[in-house]
């Protein structure tokens, strides 16, 4: 049961869907559809009042779990975003979205970000014709991403693309050629393309203390 699944508990603790189980989170089987309250004995009483710092921390943890990142690399994206001088919130999310593993997930080449990360780390992905095994690689405009010529992996990706889910939409900043199993980044993610369910300003405030 999803009640015993730690990934589902992370979402319930955050109070929002983090899509940690990929496409299952879009279905009626998602624990958040049945138990939208925090896990634990007293969870049915709802979320207790917490301080502003507590809210910032909870939002930071939620976004970090959303992308399956540890604290150090997650914080480094904040530092890079702050160096841009303005629109820190936008750049912060943009850097996260442009990760290679996330782009593969957004293109529906993998069920979730962890599966996408496996594709990369196992050497099944090419960027501009060269093998790329670094999941954190920042995809740039003009970059072409392909699946390496391996029958079983190509079949897995083709099966994924054939399994249409109307709730999952490929963002407009990437172009997907399903026949060639090819992804191309055609523009920077705009603000409307970035995740809207997080209060990024609170995360920026947390790291700016």
N, C-alpha and C. Protein backbone atom coordinates (compact mmCIF):
# COMPACT_ATOMS: atom_id res chain seq x y z
N UNK A 1 0.85 -1.20 0.00
CA UNK A 1 0.00 0.00 0.00
C UNK A 1 0.88 1.25 0.00
N UNK A 2 0.41 2.29 -0.62
CA UNK A 2 1.17 3.54 -0.70
C UNK A 2 1.39 4.17 0.66
N UNK A 3 0.51 3.81 1.64
CA UNK A 3 0.65 4.38 2.98
C UNK A 3 2.01 4.06 3.57
N UNK A 4 2.55 2.87 3.22
CA UNK A 4 3.82 2.44 3.79
C UNK A 4 5.00 2.90 2.94
N UNK A 5 4.73 3.52 1.81
CA UNK A 5 5.80 3.92 0.91
C UNK A 5 6.39 5.26 1.36
N UNK A 6 7.70 5.29 1.63
CA UNK A 6 8.31 6.54 2.12
C UNK A 6 8.20 7.70 1.14
N UNK A 7 8.17 7.41 -0.16
CA UNK A 7 8.04 8.49 -1.14
C UNK A 7 6.68 9.18 -1.00
N UNK A 8 5.65 8.38 -0.77
CA UNK A 8 4.31 8.95 -0.60
C UNK A 8 4.24 9.79 0.68
N UNK A 9 4.93 9.35 1.71
CA UNK A 9 4.93 10.10 2.97
C UNK A 9 5.64 11.44 2.81
N UNK A 10 6.67 11.47 1.97
CA UNK A 10 7.38 12.73 1.72
C UNK A 10 6.42 13.75 1.10
N UNK A 11 5.61 13.30 0.15
CA UNK A 11 4.64 14.18 -0.50
C UNK A 11 3.59 14.65 0.51
N UNK A 12 3.10 13.74 1.32
CA UNK A 12 2.06 14.09 2.29
C UNK A 12 2.61 15.05 3.33
N UNK A 13 3.86 14.87 3.69
CA UNK A 13 4.48 15.77 4.67
C UNK A 13 4.66 17.17 4.08
N UNK A 14 4.94 17.22 2.76
CA UNK A 14 5.11 18.51 2.08
C UNK A 14 3.77 19.18 1.80
N UNK A 15 2.69 18.38 1.80
CA UNK A 15 1.37 18.93 1.54
C UNK A 15 1.08 19.16 0.07
N UNK A 16 1.88 18.54 -0.81
CA UNK A 16 1.67 18.71 -2.25
C UNK A 16 2.31 17.53 -2.99
N UNK A 17 1.85 17.31 -4.20
CA UNK A 17 2.42 16.24 -5.01
C UNK A 17 3.82 16.63 -5.49
N UNK A 18 4.78 15.74 -5.25
CA UNK A 18 6.14 15.97 -5.71
C UNK A 18 6.50 15.04 -6.85
N UNK A 19 5.56 14.19 -7.25
CA UNK A 19 5.73 13.27 -8.38
C UNK A 19 6.97 12.40 -8.24
N UNK A 20 7.18 11.89 -7.02
CA UNK A 20 8.35 11.07 -6.73
C UNK A 20 8.22 9.66 -7.31
N UNK A 21 7.00 9.27 -7.67
CA UNK A 21 6.79 7.95 -8.25
C UNK A 21 6.39 8.05 -9.72
N UNK A 22 6.78 9.16 -10.36
CA UNK A 22 6.54 9.31 -11.78
C UNK A 22 5.07 9.36 -12.14
N UNK A 23 4.69 8.60 -13.15
CA UNK A 23 3.34 8.68 -13.69
C UNK A 23 2.28 8.17 -12.72
N UNK A 24 2.65 7.33 -11.78
CA UNK A 24 1.67 6.83 -10.80
C UNK A 24 1.02 8.01 -10.07
N UNK A 25 1.77 9.09 -9.92
CA UNK A 25 1.26 10.25 -9.19
C UNK A 25 0.13 10.96 -9.94
N UNK A 26 -0.01 10.67 -11.22
CA UNK A 26 -1.08 11.27 -12.01
C UNK A 26 -2.37 10.45 -11.94
N UNK A 27 -2.30 9.27 -11.32
CA UNK A 27 -3.44 8.37 -11.30
C UNK A 27 -4.18 8.44 -9.96
N UNK A 28 -5.31 7.72 -9.90
CA UNK A 28 -6.10 7.68 -8.67
C UNK A 28 -5.41 6.89 -7.57
N UNK A 29 -4.32 6.19 -7.91
CA UNK A 29 -3.59 5.40 -6.92
C UNK A 29 -2.69 6.28 -6.05
N UNK A 30 -2.50 7.52 -6.46
CA UNK A 30 -1.63 8.42 -5.70
C UNK A 30 -2.16 8.61 -4.28
N UNK A 31 -1.27 8.47 -3.30
CA UNK A 31 -1.66 8.59 -1.89
C UNK A 31 -2.23 9.96 -1.56
N UNK A 32 -1.79 11.00 -2.27
CA UNK A 32 -2.27 12.35 -2.00
C UNK A 32 -3.75 12.51 -2.35
N UNK A 33 -4.25 11.66 -3.24
CA UNK A 33 -5.67 11.70 -3.59
C UNK A 33 -6.54 11.11 -2.49
N UNK A 34 -5.95 10.20 -1.71
CA UNK A 34 -6.71 9.51 -0.67
C UNK A 34 -6.42 10.06 0.73
N UNK A 35 -5.20 10.50 0.93
CA UNK A 35 -4.79 10.98 2.26
C UNK A 35 -4.03 12.29 2.10
N UNK A 36 -4.73 13.38 1.95
CA UNK A 36 -4.09 14.67 1.72
C UNK A 36 -3.70 15.36 3.03
N UNK A 37 -3.50 14.55 4.06
CA UNK A 37 -3.08 15.07 5.37
C UNK A 37 -1.71 14.49 5.70
N UNK A 38 -0.99 15.08 6.66
CA UNK A 38 0.35 14.61 6.99
C UNK A 38 0.35 13.18 7.49
N UNK A 39 1.46 12.44 7.30
CA UNK A 39 1.54 11.08 7.81
C UNK A 39 1.68 11.08 9.33
N UNK A 40 1.45 9.93 9.92
CA UNK A 40 1.61 9.82 11.38
C UNK A 40 0.29 9.70 12.11
N UNK A 41 0.38 9.40 13.39
CA UNK A 41 -0.78 9.14 14.23
C UNK A 41 -1.75 10.32 14.29
N UNK A 42 -1.18 11.53 14.32
CA UNK A 42 -2.02 12.72 14.47
C UNK A 42 -2.19 13.49 13.17
N UNK A 43 -1.84 12.84 12.05
CA UNK A 43 -1.88 13.53 10.76
C UNK A 43 -3.25 14.00 10.34
N UNK A 44 -4.29 13.26 10.75
CA UNK A 44 -5.66 13.62 10.33
C UNK A 44 -6.10 14.97 10.88
N UNK A 45 -5.39 15.48 11.88
CA UNK A 45 -5.72 16.79 12.43
C UNK A 45 -5.26 17.93 11.52
N UNK A 46 -4.51 17.56 10.49
CA UNK A 46 -4.05 18.57 9.54
C UNK A 46 -2.68 19.11 9.89
N UNK A 47 -2.25 20.12 9.15
CA UNK A 47 -0.92 20.69 9.35
C UNK A 47 -0.94 21.67 10.52
N UNK A 48 -0.01 21.50 11.43
CA UNK A 48 0.06 22.40 12.57
C UNK A 48 0.70 23.73 12.15
N UNK A 49 0.42 24.74 12.89
CA UNK A 49 0.99 26.06 12.59
C UNK A 49 2.49 26.03 12.85
N UNK A 50 3.24 26.59 11.91
CA UNK A 50 4.69 26.63 12.07
C UNK A 50 5.18 28.06 11.82
N UNK A 51 6.40 28.32 12.22
CA UNK A 51 6.99 29.65 12.07
C UNK A 51 7.31 29.92 10.61
N UNK A 52 7.65 31.16 10.31
CA UNK A 52 8.04 31.55 8.97
C UNK A 52 9.27 30.75 8.53
N UNK A 53 10.21 30.58 9.45
CA UNK A 53 11.40 29.78 9.14
C UNK A 53 11.01 28.34 8.83
N UNK A 54 10.07 27.81 9.60
CA UNK A 54 9.60 26.44 9.37
C UNK A 54 8.96 26.29 8.01
N UNK A 55 8.20 27.29 7.59
CA UNK A 55 7.57 27.27 6.26
C UNK A 55 8.63 27.31 5.17
N UNK A 56 9.64 28.15 5.38
CA UNK A 56 10.73 28.24 4.40
C UNK A 56 11.46 26.91 4.29
N UNK A 57 11.73 26.29 5.41
CA UNK A 57 12.43 25.01 5.43
C UNK A 57 11.60 23.93 4.74
N UNK A 58 10.31 23.89 5.04
CA UNK A 58 9.44 22.88 4.44
C UNK A 58 9.36 23.05 2.93
N UNK A 59 9.30 24.30 2.47
CA UNK A 59 9.23 24.55 1.02
C UNK A 59 10.54 24.16 0.35
N UNK A 60 11.65 24.44 1.02
CA UNK A 60 12.96 24.08 0.47
C UNK A 60 13.10 22.57 0.35
N UNK A 61 12.68 21.85 1.38
CA UNK A 61 12.76 20.40 1.36
C UNK A 61 11.86 19.82 0.27
N UNK A 62 10.70 20.43 0.08
CA UNK A 62 9.76 19.94 -0.94
C UNK A 62 10.36 20.05 -2.34
N UNK A 63 10.92 21.22 -2.65
CA UNK A 63 11.49 21.41 -3.99
C UNK A 63 12.72 20.53 -4.19
N UNK A 64 13.51 20.38 -3.15
CA UNK A 64 14.70 19.54 -3.23
C UNK A 64 14.32 18.08 -3.51
N UNK A 65 13.27 17.61 -2.84
CA UNK A 65 12.79 16.25 -3.07
C UNK A 65 12.16 16.11 -4.45
N UNK A 66 11.52 17.16 -4.92
CA UNK A 66 10.88 17.16 -6.24
C UNK A 66 11.90 16.81 -7.32
N UNK A 67 13.11 17.35 -7.20
CA UNK A 67 14.17 17.09 -8.19
C UNK A 67 15.12 15.98 -7.75
N UNK A 68 14.87 15.35 -6.61
CA UNK A 68 15.70 14.26 -6.10
C UNK A 68 17.17 14.71 -5.93
N UNK A 69 17.36 15.83 -5.25
CA UNK A 69 18.71 16.35 -5.07
C UNK A 69 19.11 16.37 -3.60
N UNK A 70 20.41 16.27 -3.38
CA UNK A 70 20.94 16.45 -2.03
C UNK A 70 21.15 17.93 -1.76
N UNK A 71 21.44 18.25 -0.51
CA UNK A 71 21.50 19.65 -0.10
C UNK A 71 22.59 20.45 -0.83
N UNK A 72 23.80 19.89 -0.93
CA UNK A 72 24.91 20.65 -1.50
C UNK A 72 24.66 21.08 -2.94
N UNK A 73 24.33 20.16 -3.86
CA UNK A 73 24.08 20.61 -5.24
C UNK A 73 22.86 21.52 -5.34
N UNK A 74 21.85 21.27 -4.51
CA UNK A 74 20.66 22.11 -4.53
C UNK A 74 21.01 23.54 -4.15
N UNK A 75 21.80 23.70 -3.09
CA UNK A 75 22.21 25.03 -2.65
C UNK A 75 23.10 25.71 -3.69
N UNK A 76 23.92 24.90 -4.38
CA UNK A 76 24.80 25.47 -5.41
C UNK A 76 24.00 26.11 -6.54
N UNK A 77 22.82 25.55 -6.84
CA UNK A 77 21.97 26.16 -7.87
C UNK A 77 21.48 27.53 -7.40
N UNK A 78 21.19 27.65 -6.11
CA UNK A 78 20.80 28.95 -5.57
C UNK A 78 21.94 29.96 -5.73
N UNK A 79 23.17 29.53 -5.43
CA UNK A 79 24.32 30.41 -5.54
C UNK A 79 24.52 30.87 -6.97
N UNK A 80 24.37 29.95 -7.92
CA UNK A 80 24.51 30.31 -9.34
C UNK A 80 23.43 31.29 -9.77
N UNK A 81 22.21 31.06 -9.26
CA UNK A 81 21.09 31.94 -9.61
C UNK A 81 21.30 33.34 -9.05
N UNK A 82 21.84 33.40 -7.84
CA UNK A 82 22.06 34.70 -7.20
C UNK A 82 23.12 35.50 -7.93
N UNK A 83 24.08 34.81 -8.53
CA UNK A 83 25.14 35.49 -9.27
C UNK A 83 24.62 36.19 -10.52
N UNK A 84 23.41 35.80 -10.96
CA UNK A 84 22.82 36.44 -12.13
C UNK A 84 22.41 37.88 -11.84
N UNK A 85 22.27 38.22 -10.55
CA UNK A 85 22.00 39.60 -10.17
C UNK A 85 20.55 39.98 -10.10
N UNK A 86 19.69 39.35 -10.86
CA UNK A 86 18.26 39.65 -10.82
C UNK A 86 17.47 38.41 -11.22
N UNK A 87 16.16 38.44 -10.90
CA UNK A 87 15.29 37.29 -11.18
C UNK A 87 15.87 35.98 -10.62
N UNK A 88 16.32 36.06 -9.38
CA UNK A 88 16.94 34.89 -8.75
C UNK A 88 16.00 33.70 -8.74
N UNK A 89 14.73 33.92 -8.44
CA UNK A 89 13.76 32.82 -8.38
C UNK A 89 13.66 32.12 -9.72
N UNK A 90 13.57 32.90 -10.80
CA UNK A 90 13.43 32.33 -12.14
C UNK A 90 14.66 31.53 -12.53
N UNK A 91 15.84 32.10 -12.29
CA UNK A 91 17.07 31.41 -12.66
C UNK A 91 17.28 30.15 -11.83
N UNK A 92 16.89 30.21 -10.57
CA UNK A 92 17.03 29.05 -9.69
C UNK A 92 16.25 27.86 -10.27
N UNK A 93 14.98 28.09 -10.61
CA UNK A 93 14.16 27.02 -11.18
C UNK A 93 14.64 26.65 -12.57
N UNK A 94 15.12 27.61 -13.31
CA UNK A 94 15.59 27.34 -14.67
C UNK A 94 16.79 26.40 -14.65
N UNK A 95 17.71 26.64 -13.74
CA UNK A 95 18.87 25.75 -13.64
C UNK A 95 18.44 24.33 -13.29
N UNK A 96 17.46 24.20 -12.42
CA UNK A 96 16.96 22.88 -12.04
C UNK A 96 16.27 22.19 -13.22
N UNK A 97 15.48 22.95 -13.99
CA UNK A 97 14.76 22.39 -15.12
C UNK A 97 15.70 21.95 -16.24
N UNK A 98 16.82 22.63 -16.36
CA UNK A 98 17.73 22.35 -17.48
C UNK A 98 18.71 21.22 -17.20
N UNK A 99 18.58 20.59 -16.06
CA UNK A 99 19.38 19.40 -15.79
C UNK A 99 19.04 18.32 -16.83
N UNK A 100 20.04 17.58 -17.25
CA UNK A 100 19.84 16.57 -18.28
C UNK A 100 18.81 15.52 -17.86
N UNK A 101 18.88 15.07 -16.60
CA UNK A 101 17.92 14.06 -16.16
C UNK A 101 16.49 14.60 -16.18
N UNK A 102 16.34 15.86 -15.82
CA UNK A 102 15.00 16.46 -15.83
C UNK A 102 14.47 16.63 -17.25
N UNK A 103 15.34 17.01 -18.18
CA UNK A 103 14.92 17.19 -19.57
C UNK A 103 14.44 15.85 -20.15
N UNK A 104 15.15 14.77 -19.84
CA UNK A 104 14.73 13.44 -20.30
C UNK A 104 13.35 13.09 -19.73
N UNK A 105 13.14 13.44 -18.47
CA UNK A 105 11.83 13.18 -17.85
C UNK A 105 10.74 14.03 -18.47
N UNK A 106 11.02 15.31 -18.67
CA UNK A 106 10.03 16.22 -19.26
C UNK A 106 9.67 15.79 -20.69
N UNK A 107 10.62 15.18 -21.39
CA UNK A 107 10.37 14.72 -22.75
C UNK A 107 9.65 13.38 -22.78
N UNK A 108 9.38 12.81 -21.61
CA UNK A 108 8.69 11.53 -21.45
C UNK A 108 9.54 10.35 -21.89
N UNK A 109 10.88 10.50 -21.83
CA UNK A 109 11.78 9.39 -22.14
C UNK A 109 11.95 8.48 -20.93
N UNK A 110 11.47 8.90 -19.77
CA UNK A 110 11.59 8.11 -18.54
C UNK A 110 10.37 8.34 -17.67
N UNK A 111 10.01 7.35 -16.86
CA UNK A 111 8.84 7.46 -16.00
C UNK A 111 9.01 8.51 -14.91
N UNK A 112 10.24 8.68 -14.46
CA UNK A 112 10.51 9.64 -13.40
C UNK A 112 11.94 10.14 -13.51
N UNK A 113 12.30 11.08 -12.67
CA UNK A 113 13.64 11.65 -12.73
C UNK A 113 14.71 10.64 -12.32
N UNK A 114 14.38 9.74 -11.42
CA UNK A 114 15.37 8.73 -11.02
C UNK A 114 15.65 7.76 -12.15
N UNK A 115 14.62 7.38 -12.89
CA UNK A 115 14.84 6.50 -14.04
C UNK A 115 15.66 7.23 -15.10
N UNK A 116 15.36 8.51 -15.29
CA UNK A 116 16.13 9.32 -16.25
C UNK A 116 17.59 9.39 -15.83
N UNK A 117 17.81 9.52 -14.54
CA UNK A 117 19.18 9.58 -14.01
C UNK A 117 19.93 8.27 -14.27
N UNK A 118 19.21 7.17 -14.19
CA UNK A 118 19.83 5.87 -14.48
C UNK A 118 20.22 5.77 -15.95
N UNK A 119 19.35 6.24 -16.83
CA UNK A 119 19.68 6.22 -18.25
C UNK A 119 20.99 6.96 -18.51
N UNK A 120 21.16 8.10 -17.85
CA UNK A 120 22.37 8.90 -18.04
C UNK A 120 23.59 8.22 -17.42
N UNK A 121 23.48 7.83 -16.16
CA UNK A 121 24.64 7.27 -15.45
C UNK A 121 25.11 5.95 -16.03
N UNK A 122 24.20 5.21 -16.70
CA UNK A 122 24.57 3.93 -17.32
C UNK A 122 25.09 4.10 -18.75
N UNK A 123 25.23 5.34 -19.18
CA UNK A 123 25.84 5.61 -20.48
C UNK A 123 24.96 5.43 -21.68
N UNK A 124 23.63 5.57 -21.51
CA UNK A 124 22.70 5.35 -22.62
C UNK A 124 22.30 6.64 -23.34
N UNK A 125 22.89 7.76 -22.94
CA UNK A 125 22.46 9.06 -23.50
C UNK A 125 23.61 9.77 -24.20
N UNK A 126 23.29 10.34 -25.35
CA UNK A 126 24.26 11.14 -26.11
C UNK A 126 23.80 12.59 -26.11
N UNK A 127 24.74 13.50 -25.95
CA UNK A 127 24.46 14.93 -26.10
C UNK A 127 25.36 15.45 -27.20
N UNK A 128 24.75 15.95 -28.26
CA UNK A 128 25.49 16.42 -29.43
C UNK A 128 26.42 15.34 -29.98
N UNK A 129 25.93 14.09 -29.95
CA UNK A 129 26.67 12.97 -30.52
C UNK A 129 27.71 12.34 -29.62
N UNK A 130 27.89 12.87 -28.42
CA UNK A 130 28.89 12.34 -27.50
C UNK A 130 28.22 11.79 -26.23
N UNK A 131 28.76 10.70 -25.73
CA UNK A 131 28.18 10.10 -24.53
C UNK A 131 28.27 11.07 -23.36
N UNK A 132 27.15 11.21 -22.65
CA UNK A 132 27.11 12.10 -21.49
C UNK A 132 26.56 11.30 -20.31
N UNK A 133 27.39 11.10 -19.28
CA UNK A 133 26.96 10.33 -18.12
C UNK A 133 26.84 11.18 -16.85
N UNK A 134 26.70 12.48 -17.05
CA UNK A 134 26.56 13.41 -15.93
C UNK A 134 25.12 13.94 -15.91
N UNK A 135 24.35 13.50 -14.93
CA UNK A 135 22.93 13.86 -14.86
C UNK A 135 22.70 15.35 -14.68
N UNK A 136 23.65 16.02 -14.04
CA UNK A 136 23.49 17.44 -13.75
C UNK A 136 23.90 18.34 -14.92
N UNK A 137 24.32 17.75 -16.03
CA UNK A 137 24.71 18.55 -17.20
C UNK A 137 23.61 19.54 -17.54
N UNK A 138 24.01 20.80 -17.73
CA UNK A 138 23.05 21.85 -18.06
C UNK A 138 22.83 21.90 -19.58
N UNK A 139 21.64 21.49 -19.98
CA UNK A 139 21.29 21.50 -21.40
C UNK A 139 21.13 22.94 -21.86
N UNK A 140 21.70 23.26 -23.01
CA UNK A 140 21.64 24.62 -23.54
C UNK A 140 20.90 24.64 -24.88
N UNK A 141 20.51 25.83 -25.29
CA UNK A 141 19.80 25.99 -26.56
C UNK A 141 20.64 25.42 -27.70
N UNK A 142 20.04 24.59 -28.51
CA UNK A 142 20.74 23.97 -29.64
C UNK A 142 21.26 22.59 -29.34
N UNK A 143 21.34 22.21 -28.07
CA UNK A 143 21.80 20.87 -27.71
C UNK A 143 20.82 19.81 -28.20
N UNK A 144 21.37 18.72 -28.73
CA UNK A 144 20.57 17.59 -29.19
C UNK A 144 20.85 16.38 -28.31
N UNK A 145 19.81 15.80 -27.78
CA UNK A 145 19.93 14.65 -26.88
C UNK A 145 19.34 13.43 -27.58
N UNK A 146 20.10 12.33 -27.57
CA UNK A 146 19.65 11.10 -28.21
C UNK A 146 19.89 9.91 -27.29
N UNK A 147 19.16 8.84 -27.56
CA UNK A 147 19.39 7.58 -26.86
C UNK A 147 20.41 6.77 -27.64
N UNK A 148 21.42 6.29 -26.95
CA UNK A 148 22.47 5.53 -27.60
C UNK A 148 21.89 4.29 -28.28
N UNK A 149 22.53 3.85 -29.35
CA UNK A 149 22.01 2.74 -30.15
C UNK A 149 22.10 1.42 -29.38
N UNK A 150 21.10 1.20 -28.55
CA UNK A 150 21.01 -0.02 -27.75
C UNK A 150 19.56 -0.48 -27.81
N UNK A 151 19.33 -1.66 -28.40
CA UNK A 151 17.98 -2.12 -28.68
C UNK A 151 17.03 -2.11 -27.51
N UNK A 152 17.44 -2.69 -26.38
CA UNK A 152 16.56 -2.81 -25.22
C UNK A 152 16.18 -1.43 -24.67
N UNK A 153 17.15 -0.54 -24.61
CA UNK A 153 16.89 0.80 -24.06
C UNK A 153 16.00 1.59 -25.00
N UNK A 154 16.24 1.49 -26.30
CA UNK A 154 15.40 2.19 -27.26
C UNK A 154 13.96 1.70 -27.19
N UNK A 155 13.80 0.38 -27.00
CA UNK A 155 12.45 -0.17 -26.89
C UNK A 155 11.76 0.36 -25.64
N UNK A 156 12.51 0.45 -24.55
CA UNK A 156 11.95 0.97 -23.30
C UNK A 156 11.45 2.40 -23.50
N UNK A 157 12.24 3.23 -24.16
CA UNK A 157 11.86 4.62 -24.38
C UNK A 157 10.68 4.71 -25.34
N UNK A 158 10.69 3.90 -26.39
CA UNK A 158 9.58 3.90 -27.35
C UNK A 158 8.27 3.49 -26.67
N UNK A 159 8.36 2.51 -25.79
CA UNK A 159 7.17 2.07 -25.04
C UNK A 159 6.65 3.19 -24.15
N UNK A 160 7.58 3.95 -23.58
CA UNK A 160 7.20 5.08 -22.74
C UNK A 160 6.45 6.13 -23.56
N UNK A 161 6.97 6.44 -24.72
CA UNK A 161 6.36 7.46 -25.57
C UNK A 161 5.01 7.00 -26.11
N UNK A 162 4.87 5.68 -26.32
CA UNK A 162 3.61 5.14 -26.84
C UNK A 162 2.51 5.16 -25.79
N UNK A 163 2.92 5.17 -24.53
CA UNK A 163 1.95 5.18 -23.43
C UNK A 163 1.53 6.62 -23.15
N UNK A 164 0.58 7.11 -23.91
CA UNK A 164 0.17 8.51 -23.81
C UNK A 164 -0.59 8.78 -22.51
N UNK A 165 -0.25 9.86 -21.88
CA UNK A 165 -0.94 10.31 -20.67
C UNK A 165 -1.26 11.78 -20.85
N UNK A 166 -2.55 12.10 -20.93
CA UNK A 166 -2.96 13.48 -21.23
C UNK A 166 -2.54 14.48 -20.16
N UNK A 167 -2.23 13.98 -18.96
CA UNK A 167 -1.83 14.89 -17.87
C UNK A 167 -0.37 15.30 -17.96
N UNK A 168 0.40 14.59 -18.80
CA UNK A 168 1.83 14.88 -18.92
C UNK A 168 2.08 15.55 -20.26
N UNK A 169 2.50 16.79 -20.22
CA UNK A 169 2.73 17.55 -21.44
C UNK A 169 4.19 17.92 -21.58
N UNK A 170 4.71 17.76 -22.78
CA UNK A 170 6.10 18.15 -23.05
C UNK A 170 6.16 19.67 -23.10
N UNK A 171 7.07 20.29 -22.33
CA UNK A 171 7.15 21.76 -22.34
C UNK A 171 7.57 22.30 -23.70
N UNK A 172 7.15 23.52 -23.98
CA UNK A 172 7.39 24.09 -25.31
C UNK A 172 8.84 24.47 -25.55
N UNK A 173 9.67 24.49 -24.49
CA UNK A 173 11.07 24.89 -24.69
C UNK A 173 11.95 23.73 -25.20
N UNK A 174 11.36 22.53 -25.31
CA UNK A 174 12.09 21.43 -25.93
C UNK A 174 11.24 20.84 -27.06
N UNK A 175 11.94 20.33 -28.08
CA UNK A 175 11.26 19.70 -29.21
C UNK A 175 11.62 18.22 -29.19
N UNK A 176 10.61 17.37 -29.30
CA UNK A 176 10.83 15.92 -29.22
C UNK A 176 10.49 15.28 -30.56
N UNK A 177 11.46 14.55 -31.12
CA UNK A 177 11.24 13.77 -32.33
C UNK A 177 11.13 12.31 -31.89
N UNK A 178 9.89 11.81 -31.83
CA UNK A 178 9.66 10.47 -31.29
C UNK A 178 10.22 9.38 -32.20
N UNK A 179 10.23 9.61 -33.51
CA UNK A 179 10.76 8.60 -34.42
C UNK A 179 12.26 8.42 -34.26
N UNK A 180 12.96 9.54 -34.12
CA UNK A 180 14.41 9.49 -33.97
C UNK A 180 14.85 9.34 -32.52
N UNK A 181 13.88 9.38 -31.60
CA UNK A 181 14.19 9.39 -30.16
C UNK A 181 15.20 10.50 -29.88
N UNK A 182 14.82 11.70 -30.26
CA UNK A 182 15.72 12.84 -30.18
C UNK A 182 15.03 14.03 -29.51
N UNK A 183 15.76 14.68 -28.66
CA UNK A 183 15.26 15.88 -27.96
C UNK A 183 16.18 17.04 -28.33
N UNK A 184 15.58 18.19 -28.59
CA UNK A 184 16.38 19.39 -28.86
C UNK A 184 15.84 20.55 -28.05
N UNK A 185 16.74 21.24 -27.36
CA UNK A 185 16.33 22.42 -26.61
C UNK A 185 16.29 23.60 -27.58
N UNK A 186 15.11 24.22 -27.67
CA UNK A 186 14.94 25.28 -28.67
C UNK A 186 14.86 26.68 -28.08
N UNK A 187 14.65 26.77 -26.76
CA UNK A 187 14.62 28.07 -26.10
C UNK A 187 14.76 27.90 -24.60
N UNK A 188 15.04 28.98 -23.91
CA UNK A 188 15.13 28.94 -22.45
C UNK A 188 13.72 28.76 -21.86
N UNK A 189 13.60 28.01 -20.77
CA UNK A 189 12.28 27.90 -20.13
C UNK A 189 11.83 29.27 -19.64
N UNK A 190 10.62 29.67 -20.03
CA UNK A 190 10.08 30.94 -19.57
C UNK A 190 9.49 30.75 -18.17
N UNK A 191 9.10 31.84 -17.54
CA UNK A 191 8.55 31.76 -16.19
C UNK A 191 7.31 30.87 -16.14
N UNK A 192 6.49 30.93 -17.18
CA UNK A 192 5.26 30.13 -17.18
C UNK A 192 5.54 28.64 -17.39
N UNK A 193 6.75 28.31 -17.88
CA UNK A 193 7.13 26.91 -18.08
C UNK A 193 7.68 26.28 -16.81
N UNK A 194 7.99 27.09 -15.83
CA UNK A 194 8.62 26.61 -14.60
C UNK A 194 7.57 26.12 -13.61
N UNK A 195 7.94 25.22 -12.70
CA UNK A 195 6.97 24.72 -11.71
C UNK A 195 6.32 25.86 -10.95
N UNK A 196 4.99 25.84 -10.90
CA UNK A 196 4.22 26.91 -10.27
C UNK A 196 3.76 26.56 -8.86
N UNK A 197 3.92 25.30 -8.47
CA UNK A 197 3.34 24.86 -7.19
C UNK A 197 4.23 25.12 -5.98
N UNK A 198 5.40 25.73 -6.21
CA UNK A 198 6.31 26.01 -5.10
C UNK A 198 6.44 27.52 -4.86
N UNK A 199 6.57 27.88 -3.59
CA UNK A 199 6.79 29.29 -3.24
C UNK A 199 8.30 29.53 -3.21
N UNK A 200 8.86 29.73 -4.38
CA UNK A 200 10.32 29.82 -4.52
C UNK A 200 10.90 30.98 -3.71
N UNK A 201 10.10 32.05 -3.55
CA UNK A 201 10.59 33.20 -2.80
C UNK A 201 10.95 32.81 -1.37
N UNK A 202 10.23 31.83 -0.81
CA UNK A 202 10.52 31.38 0.54
C UNK A 202 11.84 30.63 0.60
N UNK A 203 12.15 29.90 -0.47
CA UNK A 203 13.42 29.17 -0.53
C UNK A 203 14.57 30.15 -0.67
N UNK A 204 14.36 31.18 -1.49
CA UNK A 204 15.38 32.22 -1.64
C UNK A 204 15.61 32.92 -0.30
N UNK A 205 14.53 33.19 0.42
CA UNK A 205 14.63 33.83 1.74
C UNK A 205 15.37 32.93 2.72
N UNK A 206 15.14 31.63 2.63
CA UNK A 206 15.81 30.67 3.53
C UNK A 206 17.32 30.72 3.33
N UNK A 207 17.77 30.69 2.08
CA UNK A 207 19.20 30.68 1.80
C UNK A 207 19.83 32.07 1.93
N UNK A 208 19.01 33.10 1.97
CA UNK A 208 19.54 34.47 2.05
C UNK A 208 19.70 34.94 3.49
N UNK A 209 19.37 34.10 4.43
CA UNK A 209 19.44 34.53 5.84
C UNK A 209 20.89 34.87 6.22
